[in-house]
Amino acid sequence: TVPKNWRSAPIAEAVEVTMQNELRHQL
């Protein structure tokens, strides 16, 4: 749902990037 251009990225990359970003900022 967050506007980000994932058009050519595989699910694995999207999950890895999102996990890294969210955990970095929140924990």
mmCIF file of all heavy atoms, coordinates in Angstrom:
data_MODEL
# 
_entry.id   MODEL 
# 
loop_
_atom_site.group_PDB 
_atom_site.id 
_atom_site.type_symbol 
_atom_site.label_atom_id 
_atom_site.label_alt_id 
_atom_site.label_comp_id 
_atom_site.label_asym_id 
_atom_site.label_entity_id 
_atom_site.label_seq_id 
_atom_site.pdbx_PDB_ins_code 
_atom_site.Cartn_x 
_atom_site.Cartn_y 
_atom_site.Cartn_z 
_atom_site.occupancy 
_atom_site.B_iso_or_equiv 
_atom_site.pdbx_formal_charge 
_atom_site.auth_seq_id 
_atom_site.auth_comp_id 
_atom_site.auth_asym_id 
_atom_site.auth_atom_id 
_atom_site.pdbx_PDB_model_num 
ATOM 1   N N   . THR A 1 1  ? 0.783  -1.232  0.000   1.00 0.00 ? 1  THR A N   1 
ATOM 2   C CA  . THR A 1 1  ? 0.000  0.000   0.000   1.00 0.00 ? 1  THR A CA  1 
ATOM 3   C C   . THR A 1 1  ? 0.815  1.282   0.000   1.00 0.00 ? 1  THR A C   1 
ATOM 4   O O   . THR A 1 1  ? 0.339  2.296   -0.496  1.00 0.00 ? 1  THR A O   1 
ATOM 5   C CB  . THR A 1 1  ? -0.952 0.047   1.212   1.00 0.00 ? 1  THR A CB  1 
ATOM 6   O OG1 . THR A 1 1  ? -0.183 -0.030  2.408   1.00 0.00 ? 1  THR A OG1 1 
ATOM 7   C CG2 . THR A 1 1  ? -1.959 -1.070  1.151   1.00 0.00 ? 1  THR A CG2 1 
ATOM 8   N N   . VAL A 1 2  ? 2.001  1.276   0.548   1.00 0.00 ? 2  VAL A N   1 
ATOM 9   C CA  . VAL A 1 2  ? 2.809  2.494   0.569   1.00 0.00 ? 2  VAL A CA  1 
ATOM 10  C C   . VAL A 1 2  ? 3.297  2.771   -0.846  1.00 0.00 ? 2  VAL A C   1 
ATOM 11  O O   . VAL A 1 2  ? 3.841  1.876   -1.497  1.00 0.00 ? 2  VAL A O   1 
ATOM 12  C CB  . VAL A 1 2  ? 3.999  2.347   1.540   1.00 0.00 ? 2  VAL A CB  1 
ATOM 13  C CG1 . VAL A 1 2  ? 4.928  3.537   1.444   1.00 0.00 ? 2  VAL A CG1 1 
ATOM 14  C CG2 . VAL A 1 2  ? 3.490  2.204   2.952   1.00 0.00 ? 2  VAL A CG2 1 
ATOM 15  N N   . PRO A 1 3  ? 3.083  3.992   -1.363  1.00 0.00 ? 3  PRO A N   1 
ATOM 16  C CA  . PRO A 1 3  ? 3.484  4.281   -2.739  1.00 0.00 ? 3  PRO A CA  1 
ATOM 17  C C   . PRO A 1 3  ? 4.988  4.136   -2.932  1.00 0.00 ? 3  PRO A C   1 
ATOM 18  O O   . PRO A 1 3  ? 5.771  4.905   -2.403  1.00 0.00 ? 3  PRO A O   1 
ATOM 19  C CB  . PRO A 1 3  ? 3.060  5.735   -2.946  1.00 0.00 ? 3  PRO A CB  1 
ATOM 20  C CG  . PRO A 1 3  ? 2.158  6.061   -1.830  1.00 0.00 ? 3  PRO A CG  1 
ATOM 21  C CD  . PRO A 1 3  ? 2.451  5.123   -0.719  1.00 0.00 ? 3  PRO A CD  1 
ATOM 22  N N   . LYS A 1 4  ? 5.367  3.100   -3.619  1.00 0.00 ? 4  LYS A N   1 
ATOM 23  C CA  . LYS A 1 4  ? 6.761  2.863   -3.948  1.00 0.00 ? 4  LYS A CA  1 
ATOM 24  C C   . LYS A 1 4  ? 6.774  2.104   -5.258  1.00 0.00 ? 4  LYS A C   1 
ATOM 25  O O   . LYS A 1 4  ? 5.917  1.277   -5.500  1.00 0.00 ? 4  LYS A O   1 
ATOM 26  C CB  . LYS A 1 4  ? 7.434  2.058   -2.846  1.00 0.00 ? 4  LYS A CB  1 
ATOM 27  C CG  . LYS A 1 4  ? 8.922  1.976   -3.011  1.00 0.00 ? 4  LYS A CG  1 
ATOM 28  C CD  . LYS A 1 4  ? 9.593  1.616   -1.728  1.00 0.00 ? 4  LYS A CD  1 
ATOM 29  C CE  . LYS A 1 4  ? 11.090 1.696   -1.933  1.00 0.00 ? 4  LYS A CE  1 
ATOM 30  N NZ  . LYS A 1 4  ? 11.806 1.816   -0.716  1.00 0.00 ? 4  LYS A NZ  1 
ATOM 31  N N   . ASN A 1 5  ? 7.727  2.379   -6.066  1.00 0.00 ? 5  ASN A N   1 
ATOM 32  C CA  . ASN A 1 5  ? 7.765  1.758   -7.381  1.00 0.00 ? 5  ASN A CA  1 
ATOM 33  C C   . ASN A 1 5  ? 8.456  0.401   -7.306  1.00 0.00 ? 5  ASN A C   1 
ATOM 34  O O   . ASN A 1 5  ? 9.662  0.297   -7.419  1.00 0.00 ? 5  ASN A O   1 
ATOM 35  C CB  . ASN A 1 5  ? 8.496  2.672   -8.356  1.00 0.00 ? 5  ASN A CB  1 
ATOM 36  C CG  . ASN A 1 5  ? 8.400  2.187   -9.762  1.00 0.00 ? 5  ASN A CG  1 
ATOM 37  O OD1 . ASN A 1 5  ? 7.891  1.103   -10.020 1.00 0.00 ? 5  ASN A OD1 1 
ATOM 38  N ND2 . ASN A 1 5  ? 8.874  2.979   -10.685 1.00 0.00 ? 5  ASN A ND2 1 
ATOM 39  N N   . TRP A 1 6  ? 7.672  -0.663  -7.114  1.00 0.00 ? 6  TRP A N   1 
ATOM 40  C CA  . TRP A 1 6  ? 8.199  -2.023  -7.031  1.00 0.00 ? 6  TRP A CA  1 
ATOM 41  C C   . TRP A 1 6  ? 8.081  -2.744  -8.365  1.00 0.00 ? 6  TRP A C   1 
ATOM 42  O O   . TRP A 1 6  ? 8.182  -3.950  -8.421  1.00 0.00 ? 6  TRP A O   1 
ATOM 43  C CB  . TRP A 1 6  ? 7.433  -2.842  -5.995  1.00 0.00 ? 6  TRP A CB  1 
ATOM 44  C CG  . TRP A 1 6  ? 7.571  -2.395  -4.581  1.00 0.00 ? 6  TRP A CG  1 
ATOM 45  C CD1 . TRP A 1 6  ? 6.580  -1.915  -3.789  1.00 0.00 ? 6  TRP A CD1 1 
ATOM 46  C CD2 . TRP A 1 6  ? 8.752  -2.420  -3.764  1.00 0.00 ? 6  TRP A CD2 1 
ATOM 47  N NE1 . TRP A 1 6  ? 7.059  -1.630  -2.541  1.00 0.00 ? 6  TRP A NE1 1 
ATOM 48  C CE2 . TRP A 1 6  ? 8.390  -1.932  -2.496  1.00 0.00 ? 6  TRP A CE2 1 
ATOM 49  C CE3 . TRP A 1 6  ? 10.065 -2.795  -3.995  1.00 0.00 ? 6  TRP A CE3 1 
ATOM 50  C CZ2 . TRP A 1 6  ? 9.306  -1.814  -1.455  1.00 0.00 ? 6  TRP A CZ2 1 
ATOM 51  C CZ3 . TRP A 1 6  ? 10.975 -2.675  -2.956  1.00 0.00 ? 6  TRP A CZ3 1 
ATOM 52  C CH2 . TRP A 1 6  ? 10.589 -2.191  -1.710  1.00 0.00 ? 6  TRP A CH2 1 
ATOM 53  N N   . ARG A 1 7  ? 7.815  -2.033  -9.463  1.00 0.00 ? 7  ARG A N   1 
ATOM 54  C CA  . ARG A 1 7  ? 7.475  -2.672  -10.738 1.00 0.00 ? 7  ARG A CA  1 
ATOM 55  C C   . ARG A 1 7  ? 8.405  -3.800  -11.144 1.00 0.00 ? 7  ARG A C   1 
ATOM 56  O O   . ARG A 1 7  ? 7.953  -4.862  -11.526 1.00 0.00 ? 7  ARG A O   1 
ATOM 57  C CB  . ARG A 1 7  ? 7.426  -1.654  -11.854 1.00 0.00 ? 7  ARG A CB  1 
ATOM 58  C CG  . ARG A 1 7  ? 6.108  -0.953  -11.910 1.00 0.00 ? 7  ARG A CG  1 
ATOM 59  C CD  . ARG A 1 7  ? 6.102  -0.016  -13.043 1.00 0.00 ? 7  ARG A CD  1 
ATOM 60  N NE  . ARG A 1 7  ? 6.859  1.160   -12.662 1.00 0.00 ? 7  ARG A NE  1 
ATOM 61  C CZ  . ARG A 1 7  ? 6.803  2.313   -13.254 1.00 0.00 ? 7  ARG A CZ  1 
ATOM 62  N NH1 . ARG A 1 7  ? 6.049  2.460   -14.296 1.00 0.00 ? 7  ARG A NH1 1 
ATOM 63  N NH2 . ARG A 1 7  ? 7.490  3.334   -12.830 1.00 0.00 ? 7  ARG A NH2 1 
ATOM 64  N N   . SER A 1 8  ? 9.686  -3.607  -11.096 1.00 0.00 ? 8  SER A N   1 
ATOM 65  C CA  . SER A 1 8  ? 10.589 -4.636  -11.601 1.00 0.00 ? 8  SER A CA  1 
ATOM 66  C C   . SER A 1 8  ? 11.254 -5.442  -10.488 1.00 0.00 ? 8  SER A C   1 
ATOM 67  O O   . SER A 1 8  ? 12.070 -6.310  -10.765 1.00 0.00 ? 8  SER A O   1 
ATOM 68  C CB  . SER A 1 8  ? 11.661 -3.998  -12.482 1.00 0.00 ? 8  SER A CB  1 
ATOM 69  O OG  . SER A 1 8  ? 12.416 -3.086  -11.712 1.00 0.00 ? 8  SER A OG  1 
ATOM 70  N N   . ALA A 1 9  ? 10.920 -5.167  -9.246  1.00 0.00 ? 9  ALA A N   1 
ATOM 71  C CA  . ALA A 1 9  ? 11.559 -5.859  -8.124  1.00 0.00 ? 9  ALA A CA  1 
ATOM 72  C C   . ALA A 1 9  ? 10.821 -7.159  -7.795  1.00 0.00 ? 9  ALA A C   1 
ATOM 73  O O   . ALA A 1 9  ? 9.597  -7.189  -7.796  1.00 0.00 ? 9  ALA A O   1 
ATOM 74  C CB  . ALA A 1 9  ? 11.577 -4.965  -6.900  1.00 0.00 ? 9  ALA A CB  1 
ATOM 75  N N   . PRO A 1 10 ? 11.559 -8.219  -7.507  1.00 0.00 ? 10 PRO A N   1 
ATOM 76  C CA  . PRO A 1 10 ? 10.905 -9.448  -7.058  1.00 0.00 ? 10 PRO A CA  1 
ATOM 77  C C   . PRO A 1 10 ? 10.397 -9.286  -5.625  1.00 0.00 ? 10 PRO A C   1 
ATOM 78  O O   . PRO A 1 10 ? 10.827 -8.375  -4.902  1.00 0.00 ? 10 PRO A O   1 
ATOM 79  C CB  . PRO A 1 10 ? 12.011 -10.496 -7.139  1.00 0.00 ? 10 PRO A CB  1 
ATOM 80  C CG  . PRO A 1 10 ? 13.288 -9.729  -7.091  1.00 0.00 ? 10 PRO A CG  1 
ATOM 81  C CD  . PRO A 1 10 ? 12.998 -8.371  -7.667  1.00 0.00 ? 10 PRO A CD  1 
ATOM 82  N N   . ILE A 1 11 ? 9.517  -10.170 -5.214  1.00 0.00 ? 11 ILE A N   1 
ATOM 83  C CA  . ILE A 1 11 ? 8.950  -10.101 -3.860  1.00 0.00 ? 11 ILE A CA  1 
ATOM 84  C C   . ILE A 1 11 ? 10.062 -10.165 -2.816  1.00 0.00 ? 11 ILE A C   1 
ATOM 85  O O   . ILE A 1 11 ? 10.022 -9.459  -1.819  1.00 0.00 ? 11 ILE A O   1 
ATOM 86  C CB  . ILE A 1 11 ? 7.917  -11.220 -3.633  1.00 0.00 ? 11 ILE A CB  1 
ATOM 87  C CG1 . ILE A 1 11 ? 6.657  -10.933 -4.436  1.00 0.00 ? 11 ILE A CG1 1 
ATOM 88  C CG2 . ILE A 1 11 ? 7.567  -11.351 -2.161  1.00 0.00 ? 11 ILE A CG2 1 
ATOM 89  C CD1 . ILE A 1 11 ? 5.580  -11.993 -4.310  1.00 0.00 ? 11 ILE A CD1 1 
ATOM 90  N N   . ALA A 1 12 ? 11.059 -11.003 -3.049  1.00 0.00 ? 12 ALA A N   1 
ATOM 91  C CA  . ALA A 1 12 ? 12.148 -11.153 -2.073  1.00 0.00 ? 12 ALA A CA  1 
ATOM 92  C C   . ALA A 1 12 ? 12.849 -9.823  -1.806  1.00 0.00 ? 12 ALA A C   1 
ATOM 93  O O   . ALA A 1 12 ? 13.137 -9.486  -0.654  1.00 0.00 ? 12 ALA A O   1 
ATOM 94  C CB  . ALA A 1 12 ? 13.156 -12.189 -2.578  1.00 0.00 ? 12 ALA A CB  1 
ATOM 95  N N   . GLU A 1 13 ? 13.103 -9.063  -2.848  1.00 0.00 ? 13 GLU A N   1 
ATOM 96  C CA  . GLU A 1 13 ? 13.770 -7.771  -2.675  1.00 0.00 ? 13 GLU A CA  1 
ATOM 97  C C   . GLU A 1 13 ? 12.871 -6.788  -1.946  1.00 0.00 ? 13 GLU A C   1 
ATOM 98  O O   . GLU A 1 13 ? 13.325 -6.061  -1.051  1.00 0.00 ? 13 GLU A O   1 
ATOM 99  C CB  . GLU A 1 13 ? 14.169 -7.207  -4.033  1.00 0.00 ? 13 GLU A CB  1 
ATOM 100 C CG  . GLU A 1 13 ? 14.918 -5.900  -3.942  1.00 0.00 ? 13 GLU A CG  1 
ATOM 101 C CD  . GLU A 1 13 ? 15.293 -5.345  -5.304  1.00 0.00 ? 13 GLU A CD  1 
ATOM 102 O OE1 . GLU A 1 13 ? 15.296 -6.096  -6.284  1.00 0.00 ? 13 GLU A OE1 1 
ATOM 103 O OE2 . GLU A 1 13 ? 15.580 -4.136  -5.366  1.00 0.00 ? 13 GLU A OE2 1 
ATOM 104 N N   . ALA A 1 14 ? 11.602 -6.757  -2.300  1.00 0.00 ? 14 ALA A N   1 
ATOM 105 C CA  . ALA A 1 14 ? 10.664 -5.841  -1.640  1.00 0.00 ? 14 ALA A CA  1 
ATOM 106 C C   . ALA A 1 14 ? 10.556 -6.151  -0.153  1.00 0.00 ? 14 ALA A C   1 
ATOM 107 O O   . ALA A 1 14 ? 10.542 -5.250  0.684   1.00 0.00 ? 14 ALA A O   1 
ATOM 108 C CB  . ALA A 1 14 ? 9.289  -5.927  -2.305  1.00 0.00 ? 14 ALA A CB  1 
ATOM 109 N N   . VAL A 1 15 ? 10.495 -7.438  0.182   1.00 0.00 ? 15 VAL A N   1 
ATOM 110 C CA  . VAL A 1 15 ? 10.395 -7.841  1.587   1.00 0.00 ? 15 VAL A CA  1 
ATOM 111 C C   . VAL A 1 15 ? 11.670 -7.469  2.336   1.00 0.00 ? 15 VAL A C   1 
ATOM 112 O O   . VAL A 1 15 ? 11.625 -6.902  3.433   1.00 0.00 ? 15 VAL A O   1 
ATOM 113 C CB  . VAL A 1 15 ? 10.103 -9.351  1.697   1.00 0.00 ? 15 VAL A CB  1 
ATOM 114 C CG1 . VAL A 1 15 ? 10.285 -9.843  3.121   1.00 0.00 ? 15 VAL A CG1 1 
ATOM 115 C CG2 . VAL A 1 15 ? 8.699  -9.657  1.200   1.00 0.00 ? 15 VAL A CG2 1 
ATOM 116 N N   . GLU A 1 16 ? 12.814 -7.767  1.749   1.00 0.00 ? 16 GLU A N   1 
ATOM 117 C CA  . GLU A 1 16 ? 14.093 -7.476  2.406   1.00 0.00 ? 16 GLU A CA  1 
ATOM 118 C C   . GLU A 1 16 ? 14.264 -5.980  2.652   1.00 0.00 ? 16 GLU A C   1 
ATOM 119 O O   . GLU A 1 16 ? 14.605 -5.553  3.758   1.00 0.00 ? 16 GLU A O   1 
ATOM 120 C CB  . GLU A 1 16 ? 15.251 -8.009  1.549   1.00 0.00 ? 16 GLU A CB  1 
ATOM 121 C CG  . GLU A 1 16 ? 16.607 -7.799  2.155   1.00 0.00 ? 16 GLU A CG  1 
ATOM 122 C CD  . GLU A 1 16 ? 16.855 -8.646  3.392   1.00 0.00 ? 16 GLU A CD  1 
ATOM 123 O OE1 . GLU A 1 16 ? 16.209 -9.691  3.552   1.00 0.00 ? 16 GLU A OE1 1 
ATOM 124 O OE2 . GLU A 1 16 ? 17.707 -8.239  4.207   1.00 0.00 ? 16 GLU A OE2 1 
ATOM 125 N N   . VAL A 1 17 ? 13.993 -5.167  1.641   1.00 0.00 ? 17 VAL A N   1 
ATOM 126 C CA  . VAL A 1 17 ? 14.148 -3.716  1.776   1.00 0.00 ? 17 VAL A CA  1 
ATOM 127 C C   . VAL A 1 17 ? 13.184 -3.167  2.818   1.00 0.00 ? 17 VAL A C   1 
ATOM 128 O O   . VAL A 1 17 ? 13.557 -2.359  3.677   1.00 0.00 ? 17 VAL A O   1 
ATOM 129 C CB  . VAL A 1 17 ? 13.938 -3.022  0.407   1.00 0.00 ? 17 VAL A CB  1 
ATOM 130 C CG1 . VAL A 1 17 ? 13.787 -1.518  0.561   1.00 0.00 ? 17 VAL A CG1 1 
ATOM 131 C CG2 . VAL A 1 17 ? 15.077 -3.352  -0.529  1.00 0.00 ? 17 VAL A CG2 1 
ATOM 132 N N   . THR A 1 18 ? 11.939 -3.617  2.771   1.00 0.00 ? 18 THR A N   1 
ATOM 133 C CA  . THR A 1 18 ? 10.937 -3.118  3.714   1.00 0.00 ? 18 THR A CA  1 
ATOM 134 C C   . THR A 1 18 ? 11.273 -3.524  5.139   1.00 0.00 ? 18 THR A C   1 
ATOM 135 O O   . THR A 1 18 ? 11.176 -2.709  6.067   1.00 0.00 ? 18 THR A O   1 
ATOM 136 C CB  . THR A 1 18 ? 9.539  -3.624  3.318   1.00 0.00 ? 18 THR A CB  1 
ATOM 137 O OG1 . THR A 1 18 ? 9.259  -3.173  1.993   1.00 0.00 ? 18 THR A OG1 1 
ATOM 138 C CG2 . THR A 1 18 ? 8.482  -3.096  4.271   1.00 0.00 ? 18 THR A CG2 1 
ATOM 139 N N   . MET A 1 19 ? 11.664 -4.773  5.337   1.00 0.00 ? 19 MET A N   1 
ATOM 140 C CA  . MET A 1 19 ? 12.042 -5.221  6.690   1.00 0.00 ? 19 MET A CA  1 
ATOM 141 C C   . MET A 1 19 ? 13.207 -4.394  7.221   1.00 0.00 ? 19 MET A C   1 
ATOM 142 O O   . MET A 1 19 ? 13.167 -3.929  8.363   1.00 0.00 ? 19 MET A O   1 
ATOM 143 C CB  . MET A 1 19 ? 12.417 -6.703  6.679   1.00 0.00 ? 19 MET A CB  1 
ATOM 144 C CG  . MET A 1 19 ? 11.271 -7.634  6.693   1.00 0.00 ? 19 MET A CG  1 
ATOM 145 S SD  . MET A 1 19 ? 11.909 -9.316  6.850   1.00 0.00 ? 19 MET A SD  1 
ATOM 146 C CE  . MET A 1 19 ? 10.387 -10.198 7.027   1.00 0.00 ? 19 MET A CE  1 
ATOM 147 N N   . GLN A 1 20 ? 14.235 -4.237  6.401   1.00 0.00 ? 20 GLN A N   1 
ATOM 148 C CA  . GLN A 1 20 ? 15.407 -3.466  6.834   1.00 0.00 ? 20 GLN A CA  1 
ATOM 149 C C   . GLN A 1 20 ? 15.008 -2.043  7.228   1.00 0.00 ? 20 GLN A C   1 
ATOM 150 O O   . GLN A 1 20 ? 15.388 -1.560  8.291   1.00 0.00 ? 20 GLN A O   1 
ATOM 151 C CB  . GLN A 1 20 ? 16.437 -3.414  5.699   1.00 0.00 ? 20 GLN A CB  1 
ATOM 152 C CG  . GLN A 1 20 ? 17.101 -4.719  5.383   1.00 0.00 ? 20 GLN A CG  1 
ATOM 153 C CD  . GLN A 1 20 ? 18.300 -4.982  6.251   1.00 0.00 ? 20 GLN A CD  1 
ATOM 154 O OE1 . GLN A 1 20 ? 18.945 -4.062  6.767   1.00 0.00 ? 20 GLN A OE1 1 
ATOM 155 N NE2 . GLN A 1 20 ? 18.602 -6.247  6.427   1.00 0.00 ? 20 GLN A NE2 1 
ATOM 156 N N   . ASN A 1 21 ? 14.223 -1.389  6.365   1.00 0.00 ? 21 ASN A N   1 
ATOM 157 C CA  . ASN A 1 21 ? 13.846 0.007   6.639   1.00 0.00 ? 21 ASN A CA  1 
ATOM 158 C C   . ASN A 1 21 ? 12.982 0.139   7.883   1.00 0.00 ? 21 ASN A C   1 
ATOM 159 O O   . ASN A 1 21 ? 13.229 1.004   8.732   1.00 0.00 ? 21 ASN A O   1 
ATOM 160 C CB  . ASN A 1 21 ? 13.110 0.598   5.430   1.00 0.00 ? 21 ASN A CB  1 
ATOM 161 C CG  . ASN A 1 21 ? 14.026 0.852   4.271   1.00 0.00 ? 21 ASN A CG  1 
ATOM 162 O OD1 . ASN A 1 21 ? 15.238 0.927   4.421   1.00 0.00 ? 21 ASN A OD1 1 
ATOM 163 N ND2 . ASN A 1 21 ? 13.449 0.973   3.096   1.00 0.00 ? 21 ASN A ND2 1 
ATOM 164 N N   . GLU A 1 22 ? 11.950 -0.694  7.978   1.00 0.00 ? 22 GLU A N   1 
ATOM 165 C CA  . GLU A 1 22 ? 11.039 -0.583  9.119   1.00 0.00 ? 22 GLU A CA  1 
ATOM 166 C C   . GLU A 1 22 ? 11.745 -0.903  10.428  1.00 0.00 ? 22 GLU A C   1 
ATOM 167 O O   . GLU A 1 22 ? 11.587 -0.195  11.427  1.00 0.00 ? 22 GLU A O   1 
ATOM 168 C CB  . GLU A 1 22 ? 9.827  -1.494  8.926   1.00 0.00 ? 22 GLU A CB  1 
ATOM 169 C CG  . GLU A 1 22 ? 8.947  -1.094  7.767   1.00 0.00 ? 22 GLU A CG  1 
ATOM 170 C CD  . GLU A 1 22 ? 8.369  0.298   7.919   1.00 0.00 ? 22 GLU A CD  1 
ATOM 171 O OE1 . GLU A 1 22 ? 7.957  0.662   9.036   1.00 0.00 ? 22 GLU A OE1 1 
ATOM 172 O OE2 . GLU A 1 22 ? 8.333  1.031   6.910   1.00 0.00 ? 22 GLU A OE2 1 
ATOM 173 N N   . LEU A 1 23 ? 12.530 -1.959  10.457  1.00 0.00 ? 23 LEU A N   1 
ATOM 174 C CA  . LEU A 1 23 ? 13.240 -2.323  11.688  1.00 0.00 ? 23 LEU A CA  1 
ATOM 175 C C   . LEU A 1 23 ? 14.288 -1.276  12.042  1.00 0.00 ? 23 LEU A C   1 
ATOM 176 O O   . LEU A 1 23 ? 14.471 -0.948  13.212  1.00 0.00 ? 23 LEU A O   1 
ATOM 177 C CB  . LEU A 1 23 ? 13.886 -3.709  11.537  1.00 0.00 ? 23 LEU A CB  1 
ATOM 178 C CG  . LEU A 1 23 ? 12.914 -4.873  11.390  1.00 0.00 ? 23 LEU A CG  1 
ATOM 179 C CD1 . LEU A 1 23 ? 13.680 -6.165  11.139  1.00 0.00 ? 23 LEU A CD1 1 
ATOM 180 C CD2 . LEU A 1 23 ? 12.022 -5.005  12.606  1.00 0.00 ? 23 LEU A CD2 1 
ATOM 181 N N   . ARG A 1 24 ? 14.964 -0.735  11.038  1.00 0.00 ? 24 ARG A N   1 
ATOM 182 C CA  . ARG A 1 24 ? 15.986 0.277   11.296  1.00 0.00 ? 24 ARG A CA  1 
ATOM 183 C C   . ARG A 1 24 ? 15.378 1.496   11.986  1.00 0.00 ? 24 ARG A C   1 
ATOM 184 O O   . ARG A 1 24 ? 15.931 2.014   12.959  1.00 0.00 ? 24 ARG A O   1 
ATOM 185 C CB  . ARG A 1 24 ? 16.638 0.703   9.976   1.00 0.00 ? 24 ARG A CB  1 
ATOM 186 C CG  . ARG A 1 24 ? 17.706 1.766   10.159  1.00 0.00 ? 24 ARG A CG  1 
ATOM 187 C CD  . ARG A 1 24 ? 18.305 2.242   8.839   1.00 0.00 ? 24 ARG A CD  1 
ATOM 188 N NE  . ARG A 1 24 ? 18.841 1.154   8.062   1.00 0.00 ? 24 ARG A NE  1 
ATOM 189 C CZ  . ARG A 1 24 ? 18.380 0.795   6.856   1.00 0.00 ? 24 ARG A CZ  1 
ATOM 190 N NH1 . ARG A 1 24 ? 17.385 1.459   6.294   1.00 0.00 ? 24 ARG A NH1 1 
ATOM 191 N NH2 . ARG A 1 24 ? 18.925 -0.194  6.211   1.00 0.00 ? 24 ARG A NH2 1 
ATOM 192 N N   . HIS A 1 25 ? 14.229 1.922   11.501  1.00 0.00 ? 25 HIS A N   1 
ATOM 193 C CA  . HIS A 1 25 ? 13.631 3.144   12.051  1.00 0.00 ? 25 HIS A CA  1 
ATOM 194 C C   . HIS A 1 25 ? 12.862 2.908   13.344  1.00 0.00 ? 25 HIS A C   1 
ATOM 195 O O   . HIS A 1 25 ? 12.778 3.792   14.185  1.00 0.00 ? 25 HIS A O   1 
ATOM 196 C CB  . HIS A 1 25 ? 12.709 3.797   11.021  1.00 0.00 ? 25 HIS A CB  1 
ATOM 197 C CG  . HIS A 1 25 ? 13.463 4.428   9.890   1.00 0.00 ? 25 HIS A CG  1 
ATOM 198 N ND1 . HIS A 1 25 ? 14.132 5.617   10.004  1.00 0.00 ? 25 HIS A ND1 1 
ATOM 199 C CD2 . HIS A 1 25 ? 13.678 4.004   8.620   1.00 0.00 ? 25 HIS A CD2 1 
ATOM 200 C CE1 . HIS A 1 25 ? 14.717 5.910   8.863   1.00 0.00 ? 25 HIS A CE1 1 
ATOM 201 N NE2 . HIS A 1 25 ? 14.459 4.953   8.005   1.00 0.00 ? 25 HIS A NE2 1 
ATOM 202 N N   . GLN A 1 26 ? 12.297 1.722   13.520  1.00 0.00 ? 26 GLN A N   1 
ATOM 203 C CA  . GLN A 1 26 ? 11.441 1.502   14.678  1.00 0.00 ? 26 GLN A CA  1 
ATOM 204 C C   . GLN A 1 26 ? 12.132 0.810   15.853  1.00 0.00 ? 26 GLN A C   1 
ATOM 205 O O   . GLN A 1 26 ? 11.724 1.015   16.994  1.00 0.00 ? 26 GLN A O   1 
ATOM 206 C CB  . GLN A 1 26 ? 10.207 0.698   14.258  1.00 0.00 ? 26 GLN A CB  1 
ATOM 207 C CG  . GLN A 1 26 ? 9.324  1.470   13.317  1.00 0.00 ? 26 GLN A CG  1 
ATOM 208 C CD  . GLN A 1 26 ? 8.080  0.716   12.921  1.00 0.00 ? 26 GLN A CD  1 
ATOM 209 O OE1 . GLN A 1 26 ? 7.749  -0.303  13.514  1.00 0.00 ? 26 GLN A OE1 1 
ATOM 210 N NE2 . GLN A 1 26 ? 7.382  1.209   11.923  1.00 0.00 ? 26 GLN A NE2 1 
ATOM 211 N N   . LEU A 1 27 ? 13.135 -0.011  15.597  1.00 0.00 ? 27 LEU A N   1 
ATOM 212 C CA  . LEU A 1 27 ? 13.708 -0.810  16.676  1.00 0.00 ? 27 LEU A CA  1 
ATOM 213 C C   . LEU A 1 27 ? 15.178 -0.521  16.973  1.00 0.00 ? 27 LEU A C   1 
ATOM 214 O O   . LEU A 1 27 ? 15.800 -1.246  17.727  1.00 0.00 ? 27 LEU A O   1 
ATOM 215 C CB  . LEU A 1 27 ? 13.538 -2.306  16.356  1.00 0.00 ? 27 LEU A CB  1 
ATOM 216 C CG  . LEU A 1 27 ? 12.086 -2.775  16.207  1.00 0.00 ? 27 LEU A CG  1 
ATOM 217 C CD1 . LEU A 1 27 ? 12.043 -4.237  15.835  1.00 0.00 ? 27 LEU A CD1 1 
ATOM 218 C CD2 . LEU A 1 27 ? 11.312 -2.528  17.483  1.00 0.00 ? 27 LEU A CD2 1 
# 
